[in-house]
N, C-alpha and C. Protein backbone atom coordinates (compact mmCIF):
# COMPACT_ATOMS: atom_id res chain seq x y z
N MET A 1 -46.83 -28.61 -53.37
CA MET A 1 -45.96 -29.61 -52.80
C MET A 1 -44.71 -29.84 -53.62
N SER A 2 -44.79 -29.68 -54.92
CA SER A 2 -43.63 -29.95 -55.77
C SER A 2 -42.52 -28.93 -55.54
N VAL A 3 -42.92 -27.71 -55.14
CA VAL A 3 -41.92 -26.67 -54.85
C VAL A 3 -41.10 -27.11 -53.63
N TRP A 4 -41.75 -27.63 -52.61
CA TRP A 4 -41.05 -28.09 -51.41
C TRP A 4 -40.14 -29.25 -51.72
N ARG A 5 -40.59 -30.13 -52.59
CA ARG A 5 -39.75 -31.28 -52.94
C ARG A 5 -38.49 -30.86 -53.66
N ARG A 6 -38.57 -29.76 -54.40
CA ARG A 6 -37.38 -29.29 -55.11
C ARG A 6 -36.48 -28.45 -54.21
N LEU A 7 -37.05 -27.70 -53.28
CA LEU A 7 -36.26 -26.78 -52.44
C LEU A 7 -35.75 -27.44 -51.16
N LEU A 8 -36.41 -28.46 -50.70
CA LEU A 8 -36.02 -29.05 -49.43
C LEU A 8 -34.61 -29.65 -49.44
N PRO A 9 -34.19 -30.46 -50.39
CA PRO A 9 -32.82 -31.00 -50.36
C PRO A 9 -31.73 -29.93 -50.38
N PRO A 10 -31.81 -28.92 -51.26
CA PRO A 10 -30.76 -27.89 -51.21
C PRO A 10 -30.77 -27.10 -49.90
N LEU A 11 -31.95 -26.85 -49.34
CA LEU A 11 -32.01 -26.13 -48.06
C LEU A 11 -31.41 -26.98 -46.94
N LEU A 12 -31.71 -28.26 -46.93
CA LEU A 12 -31.11 -29.13 -45.92
C LEU A 12 -29.60 -29.21 -46.07
N MET A 13 -29.14 -29.30 -47.33
CA MET A 13 -27.69 -29.35 -47.57
C MET A 13 -27.03 -28.05 -47.11
N LEU A 14 -27.66 -26.94 -47.39
CA LEU A 14 -27.12 -25.64 -46.98
C LEU A 14 -27.08 -25.54 -45.45
N SER A 15 -28.14 -25.99 -44.79
CA SER A 15 -28.14 -25.92 -43.33
C SER A 15 -27.09 -26.85 -42.73
N VAL A 16 -26.85 -28.00 -43.33
CA VAL A 16 -25.80 -28.90 -42.85
C VAL A 16 -24.43 -28.26 -43.03
N MET A 17 -24.20 -27.62 -44.16
CA MET A 17 -22.91 -26.97 -44.41
C MET A 17 -22.69 -25.79 -43.47
N VAL A 18 -23.73 -25.01 -43.23
CA VAL A 18 -23.61 -23.88 -42.30
C VAL A 18 -23.33 -24.40 -40.90
N SER A 19 -24.01 -25.46 -40.52
CA SER A 19 -23.78 -26.05 -39.21
C SER A 19 -22.36 -26.58 -39.08
N ALA A 20 -21.86 -27.24 -40.12
CA ALA A 20 -20.49 -27.76 -40.10
C ALA A 20 -19.48 -26.63 -39.99
N LEU A 21 -19.70 -25.55 -40.72
CA LEU A 21 -18.80 -24.40 -40.64
C LEU A 21 -18.85 -23.77 -39.25
N ALA A 22 -20.02 -23.74 -38.64
CA ALA A 22 -20.14 -23.18 -37.29
C ALA A 22 -19.37 -24.04 -36.29
N VAL A 23 -19.42 -25.36 -36.46
CA VAL A 23 -18.67 -26.26 -35.56
C VAL A 23 -17.18 -26.03 -35.73
N VAL A 24 -16.71 -25.93 -36.97
CA VAL A 24 -15.29 -25.70 -37.22
C VAL A 24 -14.86 -24.37 -36.64
N TRP A 25 -15.67 -23.33 -36.83
CA TRP A 25 -15.33 -22.02 -36.30
C TRP A 25 -15.28 -22.05 -34.77
N SER A 26 -16.26 -22.69 -34.14
CA SER A 26 -16.28 -22.72 -32.68
C SER A 26 -15.10 -23.52 -32.12
N LYS A 27 -14.71 -24.61 -32.78
CA LYS A 27 -13.54 -25.36 -32.31
C LYS A 27 -12.26 -24.53 -32.45
N GLN A 28 -12.13 -23.83 -33.55
CA GLN A 28 -10.96 -22.98 -33.75
C GLN A 28 -10.93 -21.87 -32.71
N ARG A 29 -12.07 -21.27 -32.43
CA ARG A 29 -12.15 -20.21 -31.44
C ARG A 29 -11.78 -20.74 -30.05
N TYR A 30 -12.29 -21.93 -29.73
CA TYR A 30 -11.97 -22.56 -28.44
C TYR A 30 -10.46 -22.79 -28.32
N ARG A 31 -9.86 -23.29 -29.38
CA ARG A 31 -8.41 -23.57 -29.33
C ARG A 31 -7.62 -22.28 -29.17
N SER A 32 -8.00 -21.23 -29.87
CA SER A 32 -7.26 -19.98 -29.74
C SER A 32 -7.44 -19.38 -28.35
N LEU A 33 -8.64 -19.49 -27.79
CA LEU A 33 -8.85 -18.99 -26.44
C LEU A 33 -8.09 -19.83 -25.41
N GLN A 34 -8.02 -21.12 -25.64
CA GLN A 34 -7.27 -22.00 -24.73
C GLN A 34 -5.79 -21.64 -24.76
N THR A 35 -5.25 -21.39 -25.95
CA THR A 35 -3.85 -20.99 -26.07
C THR A 35 -3.60 -19.66 -25.37
N GLU A 36 -4.51 -18.71 -25.55
CA GLU A 36 -4.38 -17.42 -24.89
C GLU A 36 -4.42 -17.57 -23.37
N ARG A 37 -5.31 -18.44 -22.88
CA ARG A 37 -5.40 -18.67 -21.44
C ARG A 37 -4.11 -19.27 -20.90
N GLN A 38 -3.53 -20.21 -21.64
CA GLN A 38 -2.26 -20.81 -21.20
C GLN A 38 -1.15 -19.77 -21.18
N ASN A 39 -1.12 -18.91 -22.18
CA ASN A 39 -0.10 -17.84 -22.20
C ASN A 39 -0.28 -16.88 -21.02
N LEU A 40 -1.53 -16.53 -20.74
CA LEU A 40 -1.78 -15.62 -19.61
C LEU A 40 -1.46 -16.28 -18.28
N THR A 41 -1.73 -17.57 -18.16
CA THR A 41 -1.38 -18.29 -16.93
C THR A 41 0.13 -18.32 -16.74
N SER A 42 0.86 -18.55 -17.83
CA SER A 42 2.33 -18.55 -17.74
C SER A 42 2.84 -17.17 -17.35
N ALA A 43 2.27 -16.13 -17.93
CA ALA A 43 2.68 -14.77 -17.58
C ALA A 43 2.36 -14.47 -16.11
N GLN A 44 1.21 -14.95 -15.64
CA GLN A 44 0.85 -14.76 -14.24
C GLN A 44 1.83 -15.48 -13.32
N ASP A 45 2.22 -16.68 -13.69
CA ASP A 45 3.19 -17.43 -12.88
C ASP A 45 4.54 -16.72 -12.84
N ARG A 46 4.98 -16.20 -13.99
CA ARG A 46 6.24 -15.47 -14.03
C ARG A 46 6.17 -14.21 -13.17
N ALA A 47 5.03 -13.50 -13.24
CA ALA A 47 4.87 -12.28 -12.44
C ALA A 47 4.85 -12.61 -10.94
N ALA A 48 4.20 -13.71 -10.58
CA ALA A 48 4.16 -14.10 -9.16
C ALA A 48 5.56 -14.47 -8.67
N THR A 49 6.32 -15.16 -9.50
CA THR A 49 7.69 -15.53 -9.13
C THR A 49 8.55 -14.28 -8.96
N GLU A 50 8.43 -13.35 -9.91
CA GLU A 50 9.21 -12.11 -9.81
C GLU A 50 8.80 -11.31 -8.58
N PHE A 51 7.50 -11.28 -8.28
CA PHE A 51 7.02 -10.55 -7.10
C PHE A 51 7.61 -11.15 -5.83
N ASN A 52 7.61 -12.46 -5.74
CA ASN A 52 8.17 -13.11 -4.56
C ASN A 52 9.67 -12.85 -4.43
N GLN A 53 10.36 -12.85 -5.57
CA GLN A 53 11.80 -12.54 -5.54
C GLN A 53 12.03 -11.11 -5.08
N LEU A 54 11.20 -10.20 -5.55
CA LEU A 54 11.35 -8.80 -5.14
C LEU A 54 11.02 -8.62 -3.66
N ARG A 55 10.02 -9.35 -3.15
CA ARG A 55 9.73 -9.29 -1.72
C ARG A 55 10.91 -9.80 -0.90
N LEU A 56 11.53 -10.87 -1.35
CA LEU A 56 12.69 -11.41 -0.66
C LEU A 56 13.86 -10.41 -0.71
N GLU A 57 14.05 -9.80 -1.87
CA GLU A 57 15.12 -8.80 -2.01
C GLU A 57 14.87 -7.61 -1.09
N ARG A 58 13.62 -7.15 -1.03
CA ARG A 58 13.28 -6.02 -0.16
C ARG A 58 13.52 -6.38 1.30
N ALA A 59 13.14 -7.59 1.68
CA ALA A 59 13.36 -8.02 3.07
C ALA A 59 14.86 -8.10 3.36
N THR A 60 15.63 -8.55 2.39
CA THR A 60 17.08 -8.64 2.58
C THR A 60 17.68 -7.25 2.76
N PHE A 61 17.28 -6.31 1.91
CA PHE A 61 17.83 -4.95 2.01
C PHE A 61 17.36 -4.24 3.27
N ALA A 62 16.22 -4.61 3.80
CA ALA A 62 15.69 -3.93 4.98
C ALA A 62 16.15 -4.57 6.28
N SER A 63 16.87 -5.67 6.22
CA SER A 63 17.28 -6.33 7.46
C SER A 63 18.31 -5.48 8.20
N HIS A 64 18.30 -5.59 9.50
CA HIS A 64 19.19 -4.78 10.33
C HIS A 64 20.66 -5.13 10.06
N ALA A 65 20.94 -6.39 9.85
CA ALA A 65 22.32 -6.79 9.59
C ALA A 65 22.82 -6.17 8.29
N ARG A 66 21.97 -6.13 7.28
CA ARG A 66 22.35 -5.53 5.99
C ARG A 66 22.59 -4.03 6.15
N ILE A 67 21.71 -3.37 6.87
CA ILE A 67 21.86 -1.93 7.07
C ILE A 67 23.14 -1.63 7.85
N GLU A 68 23.40 -2.42 8.88
CA GLU A 68 24.61 -2.21 9.66
C GLU A 68 25.86 -2.46 8.81
N HIS A 69 25.81 -3.49 7.99
CA HIS A 69 26.96 -3.80 7.13
C HIS A 69 27.22 -2.65 6.15
N GLU A 70 26.16 -2.12 5.56
CA GLU A 70 26.32 -1.01 4.61
C GLU A 70 26.83 0.24 5.33
N ALA A 71 26.35 0.48 6.55
CA ALA A 71 26.80 1.66 7.31
C ALA A 71 28.28 1.56 7.63
N VAL A 72 28.75 0.37 7.98
CA VAL A 72 30.16 0.19 8.31
C VAL A 72 31.02 0.22 7.06
N SER A 73 30.61 -0.47 6.00
CA SER A 73 31.47 -0.61 4.83
C SER A 73 31.46 0.65 3.96
N GLN A 74 30.31 1.27 3.73
CA GLN A 74 30.26 2.41 2.81
C GLN A 74 30.43 3.75 3.52
N LEU A 75 29.88 3.86 4.71
CA LEU A 75 29.92 5.15 5.40
C LEU A 75 30.97 5.20 6.51
N GLN A 76 31.71 4.12 6.71
CA GLN A 76 32.74 4.01 7.74
C GLN A 76 32.19 4.40 9.11
N MET A 77 30.97 4.01 9.39
CA MET A 77 30.39 4.28 10.70
C MET A 77 30.84 3.20 11.67
N GLN A 78 30.84 3.55 12.94
CA GLN A 78 31.24 2.57 13.95
C GLN A 78 30.43 2.81 15.22
N ASP A 79 30.38 1.81 16.07
CA ASP A 79 29.66 1.95 17.34
C ASP A 79 30.42 2.94 18.21
N PRO A 80 29.70 3.83 18.90
CA PRO A 80 30.38 4.78 19.78
C PRO A 80 30.87 4.06 21.04
N ASP A 81 31.92 4.62 21.61
CA ASP A 81 32.42 4.09 22.87
C ASP A 81 31.44 4.45 23.98
N ASP A 82 31.53 3.70 25.10
CA ASP A 82 30.60 3.93 26.19
C ASP A 82 30.73 5.35 26.76
N TYR A 83 31.95 5.86 26.83
CA TYR A 83 32.14 7.19 27.42
C TYR A 83 31.67 8.29 26.47
N ALA A 84 31.44 7.99 25.19
CA ALA A 84 31.00 9.00 24.25
C ALA A 84 29.48 9.13 24.18
N ILE A 85 28.78 8.20 24.83
CA ILE A 85 27.32 8.24 24.80
C ILE A 85 26.84 9.18 25.91
N VAL A 86 26.04 10.17 25.54
CA VAL A 86 25.51 11.14 26.49
C VAL A 86 23.99 11.04 26.43
N LEU A 87 23.40 10.82 27.59
CA LEU A 87 21.94 10.79 27.67
C LEU A 87 21.44 12.18 27.99
N VAL A 88 20.50 12.65 27.20
CA VAL A 88 19.92 13.98 27.38
C VAL A 88 18.58 13.79 28.06
N PRO A 89 18.38 14.41 29.22
CA PRO A 89 17.10 14.25 29.90
C PRO A 89 15.99 14.90 29.11
N ALA A 90 14.81 14.32 29.25
CA ALA A 90 13.65 14.87 28.56
C ALA A 90 13.31 16.23 29.15
N ALA A 91 12.87 17.12 28.33
CA ALA A 91 12.52 18.47 28.80
C ALA A 91 11.28 18.39 29.67
N ALA A 92 11.30 19.17 30.76
CA ALA A 92 10.15 19.18 31.66
C ALA A 92 8.99 19.91 30.97
N ARG A 93 7.83 19.35 31.17
CA ARG A 93 6.66 19.97 30.50
C ARG A 93 5.91 20.85 31.41
């Protein structure tokens, strides 16, 4: 019994210190993971915003008015006159 009386207080103190260090480590780990999660959420929000902007840009470039404007301004295309339009009949099968 005397051996237990001598070893029990240091063992209890050691277990308390190990437990305290584990609590400190787990809190630090939680905080670092929380910070990483916030950074990833911010990056996700920025990516979603950029994606939506790119979708809007693609829709703008694909609109008929935009295509017609580019055809007229860059390629100097114009609508044909009525007398210049020739309808070709479909080939008989």
